[in-house]
C-alpha atoms as a PDB file:
ATOM      1  CA  UNK A   1    -107.032 -28.447  19.496  1.00  0.00           C
ATOM      2  CA  UNK A   2    -103.748 -30.340  20.620  1.00  0.00           C
ATOM      3  CA  UNK A   3    -100.569 -28.576  21.891  1.00  0.00           C
ATOM      4  CA  UNK A   4     -98.740 -29.000  18.600  1.00  0.00           C
ATOM      5  CA  UNK A   5    -101.338 -27.144  16.782  1.00  0.00           C
ATOM      6  CA  UNK A   6    -101.469 -24.273  19.370  1.00  0.00           C
ATOM      7  CA  UNK A   7     -97.644 -23.952  19.312  1.00  0.00           C
ATOM      8  CA  UNK A   8     -97.742 -23.668  15.327  1.00  0.00           C
ATOM      9  CA  UNK A   9    -100.443 -21.074  15.481  1.00  0.00           C
ATOM     10  CA  UNK A  10     -98.487 -18.921  17.930  1.00  0.00           C
ATOM     11  CA  UNK A  11     -95.323 -19.393  15.858  1.00  0.00           C
ATOM     12  CA  UNK A  12     -96.974 -18.397  12.724  1.00  0.00           C
ATOM     13  CA  UNK A  13     -98.830 -15.442  14.310  1.00  0.00           C
ATOM     14  CA  UNK A  14     -95.871 -13.976  15.609  1.00  0.00           C
ATOM     15  CA  UNK A  15     -94.682 -12.783  12.091  1.00  0.00           C
ATOM     16  CA  UNK A  16     -95.835  -9.462  10.945  1.00  0.00           C
ATOM     17  CA  UNK A  17     -97.428  -8.618  14.384  1.00  0.00           C
ATOM     18  CA  UNK A  18     -96.700  -6.212  17.151  1.00  0.00           C
ATOM     19  CA  UNK A  19     -95.672  -7.630  20.596  1.00  0.00           C
ATOM     20  CA  UNK A  20     -96.188  -5.012  23.187  1.00  0.00           C
ATOM     21  CA  UNK A  21     -94.667  -4.541  26.765  1.00  0.00           C
ATOM     22  CA  UNK A  22     -92.258  -7.426  26.815  1.00  0.00           C
ATOM     23  CA  UNK A  23     -90.378  -7.005  30.112  1.00  0.00           C
ATOM     24  CA  UNK A  24     -86.586  -7.261  29.531  1.00  0.00           C
ATOM     25  CA  UNK A  25     -85.386  -6.425  33.056  1.00  0.00           C
ATOM     26  CA  UNK A  26     -86.270  -4.858  36.444  1.00  0.00           C
ATOM     27  CA  UNK A  27     -84.777  -1.879  38.116  1.00  0.00           C
ATOM     28  CA  UNK A  28     -85.245  -0.190  41.436  1.00  0.00           C
ATOM     29  CA  UNK A  29     -87.068   2.472  39.592  1.00  0.00           C
ATOM     30  CA  UNK A  30     -89.355   0.576  37.323  1.00  0.00           C
ATOM     31  CA  UNK A  31     -89.875  -2.504  35.217  1.00  0.00           C
ATOM     32  CA  UNK A  32     -88.086  -2.121  31.879  1.00  0.00           C
ATOM     33  CA  UNK A  33     -90.191  -2.721  28.817  1.00  0.00           C
ATOM     34  CA  UNK A  34     -89.946  -3.070  24.920  1.00  0.00           C
ATOM     35  CA  UNK A  35     -92.237  -3.353  21.961  1.00  0.00           C
ATOM     36  CA  UNK A  36     -91.334  -5.895  19.227  1.00  0.00           C
ATOM     37  CA  UNK A  37     -92.501  -5.185  15.637  1.00  0.00           C
ATOM     38  CA  UNK A  38     -92.057  -8.127  13.293  1.00  0.00           C
ATOM     39  CA  UNK A  39     -92.084  -7.809   9.524  1.00  0.00           C
ATOM     40  CA  UNK A  40     -94.323  -9.831   7.264  1.00  0.00           C
ATOM     41  CA  UNK A  41     -92.960 -12.437   5.031  1.00  0.00           C
ATOM     42  CA  UNK A  42     -89.273 -12.259   6.202  1.00  0.00           C
ATOM     43  CA  UNK A  43     -87.576 -15.322   7.693  1.00  0.00           C
ATOM     44  CA  UNK A  44     -84.912 -14.619  10.270  1.00  0.00           C
ATOM     45  CA  UNK A  45     -84.885 -10.821   9.764  1.00  0.00           C
ATOM     46  CA  UNK A  46     -82.107  -8.479  11.015  1.00  0.00           C
ATOM     47  CA  UNK A  47     -83.208  -6.942  14.316  1.00  0.00           C
ATOM     48  CA  UNK A  48     -83.028  -3.135  14.889  1.00  0.00           C
ATOM     49  CA  UNK A  49     -83.224  -1.786  18.426  1.00  0.00           C
ATOM     50  CA  UNK A  50     -84.817   1.692  18.414  1.00  0.00           C
ATOM     51  CA  UNK A  51     -83.715   4.082  21.353  1.00  0.00           C
ATOM     52  CA  UNK A  52     -85.949   7.087  21.360  1.00  0.00           C
ATOM     53  CA  UNK A  53     -84.558  10.691  21.981  1.00  0.00           C
ATOM     54  CA  UNK A  54     -85.842  13.534  24.472  1.00  0.00           C
ATOM     55  CA  UNK A  55     -82.798  15.149  25.874  1.00  0.00           C
ATOM     56  CA  UNK A  56     -82.404  12.026  28.040  1.00  0.00           C
ATOM     57  CA  UNK A  57     -85.336  13.266  30.427  1.00  0.00           C
ATOM     58  CA  UNK A  58     -88.369  12.698  28.268  1.00  0.00           C
ATOM     59  CA  UNK A  59     -89.846  10.437  25.334  1.00  0.00           C
ATOM     60  CA  UNK A  60     -90.859   6.834  25.345  1.00  0.00           C
ATOM     61  CA  UNK A  61     -90.829   3.690  23.248  1.00  0.00           C
ATOM     62  CA  UNK A  62     -94.288   4.612  21.683  1.00  0.00           C
ATOM     63  CA  UNK A  63     -94.604   5.451  18.040  1.00  0.00           C
ATOM     64  CA  UNK A  64     -91.162   4.424  16.687  1.00  0.00           C
ATOM     65  CA  UNK A  65     -90.155   4.952  13.021  1.00  0.00           C
ATOM     66  CA  UNK A  66     -91.463   1.995  11.021  1.00  0.00           C
ATOM     67  CA  UNK A  67     -89.905   2.546   7.590  1.00  0.00           C
ATOM     68  CA  UNK A  68     -87.171  -0.138   8.060  1.00  0.00           C
ATOM     69  CA  UNK A  69     -89.820  -2.669   9.273  1.00  0.00           C
ATOM     70  CA  UNK A  70     -91.553  -1.987   5.832  1.00  0.00           C
ATOM     71  CA  UNK A  71     -88.246  -3.210   4.233  1.00  0.00           C
ATOM     72  CA  UNK A  72     -88.030  -6.395   6.045  1.00  0.00           C
ATOM     73  CA  UNK A  73     -86.321  -5.658   9.492  1.00  0.00           C
ATOM     74  CA  UNK A  74     -87.607  -6.571  12.978  1.00  0.00           C
ATOM     75  CA  UNK A  75     -87.704  -3.525  15.372  1.00  0.00           C
ATOM     76  CA  UNK A  76     -87.522  -3.628  19.138  1.00  0.00           C
ATOM     77  CA  UNK A  77     -88.502  -0.221  20.757  1.00  0.00           C
ATOM     78  CA  UNK A  78     -87.241   0.117  24.203  1.00  0.00           C
ATOM     79  CA  UNK A  79     -87.964   2.266  27.091  1.00  0.00           C
ATOM     80  CA  UNK A  80     -85.053   2.973  29.373  1.00  0.00           C
ATOM     81  CA  UNK A  81     -84.642   4.903  32.700  1.00  0.00           C
ATOM     82  CA  UNK A  82     -84.844   8.617  31.987  1.00  0.00           C
ATOM     83  CA  UNK A  83     -82.515  11.105  33.679  1.00  0.00           C
ATOM     84  CA  UNK A  84     -85.222  12.216  35.975  1.00  0.00           C
ATOM     85  CA  UNK A  85     -85.272   8.613  37.141  1.00  0.00           C
ATOM     86  CA  UNK A  86     -81.550   7.574  37.389  1.00  0.00           C
ATOM     87  CA  UNK A  87     -78.426   9.155  36.082  1.00  0.00           C
ATOM     88  CA  UNK A  88     -75.651   8.104  33.645  1.00  0.00           C
ATOM     89  CA  UNK A  89     -74.582   5.374  33.144  1.00  0.00           C
ATOM     90  CA  UNK A  90     -78.164   3.770  33.934  1.00  0.00           C
ATOM     91  CA  UNK A  91     -79.460   4.409  30.372  1.00  0.00           C
ATOM     92  CA  UNK A  92     -76.606   2.554  28.835  1.00  0.00           C
ATOM     93  CA  UNK A  93     -77.048  -0.310  31.404  1.00  0.00           C
ATOM     94  CA  UNK A  94     -80.555  -0.530  30.259  1.00  0.00           C
ATOM     95  CA  UNK A  95     -79.758  -0.709  26.632  1.00  0.00           C
ATOM     96  CA  UNK A  96     -77.221  -3.504  27.019  1.00  0.00           C
ATOM     97  CA  UNK A  97     -79.789  -5.351  29.098  1.00  0.00           C
ATOM     98  CA  UNK A  98     -82.229  -5.165  26.195  1.00  0.00           C
ATOM     99  CA  UNK A  99     -79.723  -6.528  23.769  1.00  0.00           C
ATOM    100  CA  UNK A 100     -79.020  -9.453  25.972  1.00  0.00           C
ATOM    101  CA  UNK A 101     -82.583 -10.200  26.478  1.00  0.00           C
ATOM    102  CA  UNK A 102     -83.252  -9.868  22.794  1.00  0.00           C
ATOM    103  CA  UNK A 103     -80.313 -12.069  21.845  1.00  0.00           C
ATOM    104  CA  UNK A 104     -81.324 -14.722  24.276  1.00  0.00           C
ATOM    105  CA  UNK A 105     -84.899 -14.749  22.800  1.00  0.00           C
ATOM    106  CA  UNK A 106     -84.186 -14.467  19.206  1.00  0.00           C
ATOM    107  CA  UNK A 107     -85.392 -18.038  18.350  1.00  0.00           C
ATOM    108  CA  UNK A 108     -88.588 -17.513  20.263  1.00  0.00           C
ATOM    109  CA  UNK A 109     -89.275 -14.276  18.248  1.00  0.00           C
ATOM    110  CA  UNK A 110     -87.835 -15.421  14.995  1.00  0.00           C
ATOM    111  CA  UNK A 111     -85.031 -12.877  14.370  1.00  0.00           C
ATOM    112  CA  UNK A 112     -81.337 -13.177  13.795  1.00  0.00           C
ATOM    113  CA  UNK A 113     -79.420 -12.980  17.001  1.00  0.00           C
ATOM    114  CA  UNK A 114     -76.186 -12.468  15.098  1.00  0.00           C
ATOM    115  CA  UNK A 115     -77.186  -9.278  13.264  1.00  0.00           C
ATOM    116  CA  UNK A 116     -78.447  -6.769  15.772  1.00  0.00           C
ATOM    117  CA  UNK A 117     -78.354  -3.001  15.142  1.00  0.00           C
ATOM    118  CA  UNK A 118     -78.845  -0.005  17.463  1.00  0.00           C
ATOM    119  CA  UNK A 119     -80.798   2.977  16.064  1.00  0.00           C
ATOM    120  CA  UNK A 120     -81.557   6.313  17.705  1.00  0.00           C
ATOM    121  CA  UNK A 121     -82.095  10.016  17.146  1.00  0.00           C
ATOM    122  CA  UNK A 122     -80.828  13.155  19.302  1.00  0.00           C
ATOM    123  CA  UNK A 123     -80.216  11.791  22.844  1.00  0.00           C
ATOM    124  CA  UNK A 124     -81.050   8.351  21.349  1.00  0.00           C
ATOM    125  CA  UNK A 125     -78.424   8.763  18.860  1.00  0.00           C
ATOM    126  CA  UNK A 126     -75.862   9.614  21.488  1.00  0.00           C
ATOM    127  CA  UNK A 127     -76.926   6.499  23.593  1.00  0.00           C
ATOM    128  CA  UNK A 128     -76.754   4.083  20.598  1.00  0.00           C
ATOM    129  CA  UNK A 129     -73.402   5.290  19.621  1.00  0.00           C
ATOM    130  CA  UNK A 130     -72.084   5.046  23.125  1.00  0.00           C
ATOM    131  CA  UNK A 131     -73.606   1.476  23.698  1.00  0.00           C
ATOM    132  CA  UNK A 132     -72.450   0.372  20.229  1.00  0.00           C
ATOM    133  CA  UNK A 133     -68.865   1.584  20.441  1.00  0.00           C
ATOM    134  CA  UNK A 134     -68.397   0.306  24.064  1.00  0.00           C
ATOM    135  CA  UNK A 135     -68.792  -3.365  23.134  1.00  0.00           C
ATOM    136  CA  UNK A 136     -67.311  -5.176  25.895  1.00  0.00           C
ATOM    137  CA  UNK A 137     -66.619  -2.194  28.260  1.00  0.00           C
ATOM    138  CA  UNK A 138     -67.221  -3.356  32.030  1.00  0.00           C
ATOM    139  CA  UNK A 139     -68.064   0.172  33.158  1.00  0.00           C
ATOM    140  CA  UNK A 140     -71.100   0.515  30.884  1.00  0.00           C
ATOM    141  CA  UNK A 141     -72.034  -3.062  30.706  1.00  0.00           C
ATOM    142  CA  UNK A 142     -74.182  -3.302  33.851  1.00  0.00           C
ATOM    143  CA  UNK A 143     -75.682  -6.301  35.455  1.00  0.00           C
ATOM    144  CA  UNK A 144     -79.550  -5.901  34.857  1.00  0.00           C
ATOM    145  CA  UNK A 145     -81.766  -8.753  33.566  1.00  0.00           C
ATOM    146  CA  UNK A 146     -81.607 -12.445  33.804  1.00  0.00           C
ATOM    147  CA  UNK A 147     -79.184 -13.051  30.773  1.00  0.00           C
ATOM    148  CA  UNK A 148     -75.794 -11.676  31.932  1.00  0.00           C
ATOM    149  CA  UNK A 149     -74.090 -14.427  30.121  1.00  0.00           C
ATOM    150  CA  UNK A 150     -75.398 -13.404  26.679  1.00  0.00           C
ATOM    151  CA  UNK A 151     -73.270 -10.803  24.700  1.00  0.00           C
ATOM    152  CA  UNK A 152     -74.657  -7.102  24.500  1.00  0.00           C
ATOM    153  CA  UNK A 153     -72.332  -6.559  21.440  1.00  0.00           C
ATOM    154  CA  UNK A 154     -74.150  -5.145  18.435  1.00  0.00           C
ATOM    155  CA  UNK A 155     -73.085  -5.454  14.735  1.00  0.00           C
ATOM    156  CA  UNK A 156     -73.987  -2.028  13.453  1.00  0.00           C
ATOM    157  CA  UNK A 157     -75.128   1.640  14.779  1.00  0.00           C
ATOM    158  CA  UNK A 158     -77.399   4.108  13.190  1.00  0.00           C
ATOM    159  CA  UNK A 159     -76.995   7.689  14.831  1.00  0.00           C
ATOM    160  CA  UNK A 160     -79.148  10.344  13.824  1.00  0.00           C
ATOM    161  CA  UNK A 161     -77.950  13.834  14.902  1.00  0.00           C
ATOM    162  CA  UNK A 162     -76.688  12.551  18.412  1.00  0.00           C
ATOM    163  CA  UNK A 163     -74.095  14.243  20.636  1.00  0.00           C
ATOM    164  CA  UNK A 164     -70.725  12.475  20.449  1.00  0.00           C
ATOM    165  CA  UNK A 165     -68.281  14.730  22.674  1.00  0.00           C
ATOM    166  CA  UNK A 166     -69.560  16.318  25.770  1.00  0.00           C
ATOM    167  CA  UNK A 167     -66.022  17.881  26.299  1.00  0.00           C
ATOM    168  CA  UNK A 168     -66.708  20.144  22.956  1.00  0.00           C
ATOM    169  CA  UNK A 169     -70.479  20.343  22.640  1.00  0.00           C
ATOM    170  CA  UNK A 170     -71.258  23.503  24.451  1.00  0.00           C
ATOM    171  CA  UNK A 171     -68.284  25.444  22.870  1.00  0.00           C
ATOM    172  CA  UNK A 172     -69.732  24.383  19.458  1.00  0.00           C
ATOM    173  CA  UNK A 173     -73.442  25.332  20.391  1.00  0.00           C
ATOM    174  CA  UNK A 174     -75.599  28.165  19.551  1.00  0.00           C
ATOM    175  CA  UNK A 175     -77.176  30.191  22.454  1.00  0.00           C
ATOM    176  CA  UNK A 176     -80.328  28.182  21.918  1.00  0.00           C
ATOM    177  CA  UNK A 177     -78.444  24.962  21.824  1.00  0.00           C
ATOM    178  CA  UNK A 178     -76.751  25.789  25.105  1.00  0.00           C
ATOM    179  CA  UNK A 179     -80.059  26.744  26.681  1.00  0.00           C
ATOM    180  CA  UNK A 180     -81.399  23.406  25.953  1.00  0.00           C
ATOM    181  CA  UNK A 181     -78.365  21.187  26.330  1.00  0.00           C
ATOM    182  CA  UNK A 182     -76.716  22.497  29.596  1.00  0.00           C
ATOM    183  CA  UNK A 183     -79.781  21.831  31.934  1.00  0.00           C
ATOM    184  CA  UNK A 184     -80.336  18.429  30.135  1.00  0.00           C
ATOM    185  CA  UNK A 185     -76.826  17.381  30.822  1.00  0.00           C
ATOM    186  CA  UNK A 186     -76.876  18.514  34.367  1.00  0.00           C
ATOM    187  CA  UNK A 187     -79.932  16.140  34.801  1.00  0.00           C
ATOM    188  CA  UNK A 188     -78.118  13.353  32.679  1.00  0.00           C
ATOM    189  CA  UNK A 189     -75.132  13.399  35.155  1.00  0.00           C
ATOM    190  CA  UNK A 190     -77.065  14.417  38.296  1.00  0.00           C
ATOM    191  CA  UNK A 191     -74.942  17.412  39.079  1.00  0.00           C
ATOM    192  CA  UNK A 192     -73.755  20.566  37.410  1.00  0.00           C
ATOM    193  CA  UNK A 193     -72.473  19.939  34.101  1.00  0.00           C
ATOM    194  CA  UNK A 194     -68.558  20.275  33.795  1.00  0.00           C
ATOM    195  CA  UNK A 195     -67.243  19.744  30.211  1.00  0.00           C
ATOM    196  CA  UNK A 196     -63.712  19.033  31.546  1.00  0.00           C
ATOM    197  CA  UNK A 197     -64.814  16.292  34.009  1.00  0.00           C
ATOM    198  CA  UNK A 198     -63.557  12.562  33.678  1.00  0.00           C
ATOM    199  CA  UNK A 199     -67.246  11.840  33.642  1.00  0.00           C
ATOM    200  CA  UNK A 200     -68.237  13.605  30.636  1.00  0.00           C
ATOM    201  CA  UNK A 201     -65.284  11.654  28.650  1.00  0.00           C
ATOM    202  CA  UNK A 202     -66.784   8.432  29.932  1.00  0.00           C
ATOM    203  CA  UNK A 203     -70.127   9.277  28.406  1.00  0.00           C
ATOM    204  CA  UNK A 204     -68.673  10.582  25.028  1.00  0.00           C
ATOM    205  CA  UNK A 205     -68.625   8.083  22.200  1.00  0.00           C
ATOM    206  CA  UNK A 206     -65.634   9.658  20.463  1.00  0.00           C
ATOM    207  CA  UNK A 207     -63.567   8.414  23.262  1.00  0.00           C
ATOM    208  CA  UNK A 208     -64.438   4.674  22.683  1.00  0.00           C
ATOM    209  CA  UNK A 209     -63.637   4.502  19.057  1.00  0.00           C
ATOM    210  CA  UNK A 210     -61.318   1.833  18.114  1.00  0.00           C
ATOM    211  CA  UNK A 211     -60.417  -0.729  15.281  1.00  0.00           C
ATOM    212  CA  UNK A 212     -62.826  -3.291  16.637  1.00  0.00           C
ATOM    213  CA  UNK A 213     -65.980  -1.187  16.344  1.00  0.00           C
ATOM    214  CA  UNK A 214     -69.004  -2.083  14.270  1.00  0.00           C
ATOM    215  CA  UNK A 215     -70.097   0.008  11.206  1.00  0.00           C
ATOM    216  CA  UNK A 216     -71.822   3.367  11.823  1.00  0.00           C
ATOM    217  CA  UNK A 217     -74.109   5.059   9.723  1.00  0.00           C
ATOM    218  CA  UNK A 218     -74.457   8.937  10.765  1.00  0.00           C
ATOM    219  CA  UNK A 219     -77.002  11.457   9.626  1.00  0.00           C
ATOM    220  CA  UNK A 220     -77.324  15.103  10.559  1.00  0.00           C
ATOM    221  CA  UNK A 221     -79.050  18.348   9.479  1.00  0.00           C
ATOM    222  CA  UNK A 222     -76.864  21.107   8.416  1.00  0.00           C
ATOM    223  CA  UNK A 223     -79.181  23.621  10.186  1.00  0.00           C
ATOM    224  CA  UNK A 224     -79.376  21.883  13.539  1.00  0.00           C
ATOM    225  CA  UNK A 225     -79.480  24.528  16.277  1.00  0.00           C
ATOM    226  CA  UNK A 226     -79.748  21.998  19.084  1.00  0.00           C
ATOM    227  CA  UNK A 227     -77.034  19.421  18.597  1.00  0.00           C
ATOM    228  CA  UNK A 228     -74.165  20.939  16.422  1.00  0.00           C
ATOM    229  CA  UNK A 229     -73.370  19.152  13.148  1.00  0.00           C
ATOM    230  CA  UNK A 230     -69.699  19.333  14.386  1.00  0.00           C
ATOM    231  CA  UNK A 231     -70.585  16.565  16.767  1.00  0.00           C
ATOM    232  CA  UNK A 232     -71.301  14.178  14.119  1.00  0.00           C
ATOM    233  CA  UNK A 233     -68.285  15.350  12.183  1.00  0.00           C
ATOM    234  CA  UNK A 234     -66.095  14.618  14.973  1.00  0.00           C
ATOM    235  CA  UNK A 235     -67.243  11.082  15.385  1.00  0.00           C
ATOM    236  CA  UNK A 236     -67.311  10.508  11.650  1.00  0.00           C
ATOM    237  CA  UNK A 237     -63.522  11.635  11.648  1.00  0.00           C
ATOM    238  CA  UNK A 238     -62.547   9.327  14.581  1.00  0.00           C
ATOM    239  CA  UNK A 239     -64.209   6.380  12.880  1.00  0.00           C
ATOM    240  CA  UNK A 240     -62.614   7.050   9.615  1.00  0.00           C
ATOM    241  CA  UNK A 241     -59.232   7.323  11.117  1.00  0.00           C
ATOM    242  CA  UNK A 242     -59.843   3.931  12.909  1.00  0.00           C
ATOM    243  CA  UNK A 243     -60.689   2.500   9.503  1.00  0.00           C
ATOM    244  CA  UNK A 244     -64.354   1.595  10.658  1.00  0.00           C
ATOM    245  CA  UNK A 245     -66.801   1.374   7.889  1.00  0.00           C
ATOM    246  CA  UNK A 246     -68.650   4.586   8.190  1.00  0.00           C
ATOM    247  CA  UNK A 247     -71.060   6.930   6.179  1.00  0.00           C
ATOM    248  CA  UNK A 248     -72.151  10.451   7.078  1.00  0.00           C
ATOM    249  CA  UNK A 249     -75.273  11.871   5.352  1.00  0.00           C
ATOM    250  CA  UNK A 250     -75.609  15.656   5.764  1.00  0.00           C
ATOM    251  CA  UNK A 251     -79.266  16.695   5.177  1.00  0.00           C
ATOM    252  CA  UNK A 252     -79.431  19.939   3.575  1.00  0.00           C
ATOM    253  CA  UNK A 253     -81.763  22.680   4.901  1.00  0.00           C
ATOM    254  CA  UNK A 254     -82.934  20.374   7.785  1.00  0.00           C
ATOM    255  CA  UNK A 255     -82.639  21.156  11.588  1.00  0.00           C
ATOM    256  CA  UNK A 256     -82.883  18.908  14.516  1.00  0.00           C
ATOM    257  CA  UNK A 257     -84.797  16.155  12.744  1.00  0.00           C
ATOM    258  CA  UNK A 258     -87.406  16.761   9.800  1.00  0.00           C
ATOM    259  CA  UNK A 259     -89.254  14.980   7.221  1.00  0.00           C
ATOM    260  CA  UNK A 260     -86.130  14.190   5.196  1.00  0.00           C
ATOM    261  CA  UNK A 261     -84.916  11.893   7.746  1.00  0.00           C
ATOM    262  CA  UNK A 262     -87.740   9.450   6.949  1.00  0.00           C
ATOM    263  CA  UNK A 263     -88.135  10.061   3.299  1.00  0.00           C
ATOM    264  CA  UNK A 264     -88.027   6.804   1.295  1.00  0.00           C
ATOM    265  CA  UNK A 265     -84.881   7.678  -0.894  1.00  0.00           C
ATOM    266  CA  UNK A 266     -83.050   8.491   2.371  1.00  0.00           C
ATOM    267  CA  UNK A 267     -84.053   5.298   4.145  1.00  0.00           C
ATOM    268  CA  UNK A 268     -82.942   3.461   0.941  1.00  0.00           C
ATOM    269  CA  UNK A 269     -79.331   4.649   1.696  1.00  0.00           C
ATOM    270  CA  UNK A 270     -79.735   3.437   5.239  1.00  0.00           C
ATOM    271  CA  UNK A 271     -80.896  -0.006   4.034  1.00  0.00           C
ATOM    272  CA  UNK A 272     -78.081  -0.139   1.434  1.00  0.00           C
ATOM    273  CA  UNK A 273     -75.473   0.602   4.179  1.00  0.00           C
ATOM    274  CA  UNK A 274     -76.743  -2.055   6.223  1.00  0.00           C
ATOM    275  CA  UNK A 275     -76.907  -4.753   3.442  1.00  0.00           C
ATOM    276  CA  UNK A 276     -73.380  -3.681   2.487  1.00  0.00           C
ATOM    277  CA  UNK A 277     -72.130  -4.319   5.910  1.00  0.00           C
ATOM    278  CA  UNK A 278     -74.208  -7.089   7.351  1.00  0.00           C
ATOM    279  CA  UNK A 279     -74.044  -9.596   4.406  1.00  0.00           C
END
């Protein structure tokens, strides 16, 4: 078999397959890896970068939601440094390095480099909102990876029940929410959590909203006792005031996640928002 035949087989076989443990950057703590899921029978698909939750200190790229892959999207599920490994803004530097790596290798893996989406839930929802709304911010950009000349800008954000304002979150929280969130935020910042500090503002997506932001789809359960729904309402209001294309779905009788967030009719709404905004 000649080289042309081998290359053709590799190119064809990359569609509809899972490519595991692609290294997108190295840090002092560990190599940063991602898994790429490519849809079948879709040419040049939109790419979604999935950022897992876990209160910033746990979770992994394994077992990402696959509902949108079934609808023809490519999905990159990334690992990033957890708060037990490195403190803020390391996680955002990692996400932006992943976007640069993926944009640089879009032709190799057959997805659309001009239509990249960030999607996350809970802590992942916070991270994608912060990364997506801070396009071009030098403090959050970082210098990881081999493709620093590539843009880390994204074209749309999907935020499922993520915190948006660390200066207000504890005041809005239930006692259970405080018991979960305050220790997690101390780990995230690497010191006792102070809602009034300048650093909490730097880590809060609501303070990055401006007229140049990408469209944002927000979803939150009205019974969430871990991340108050007011966090999503704050972000939604700021986006609307800035005339950013945005939609907020309040999921009735759902808490911090739940089956309704992956139900077919709901995912159709996500798909429709993407198609409307990324024509």
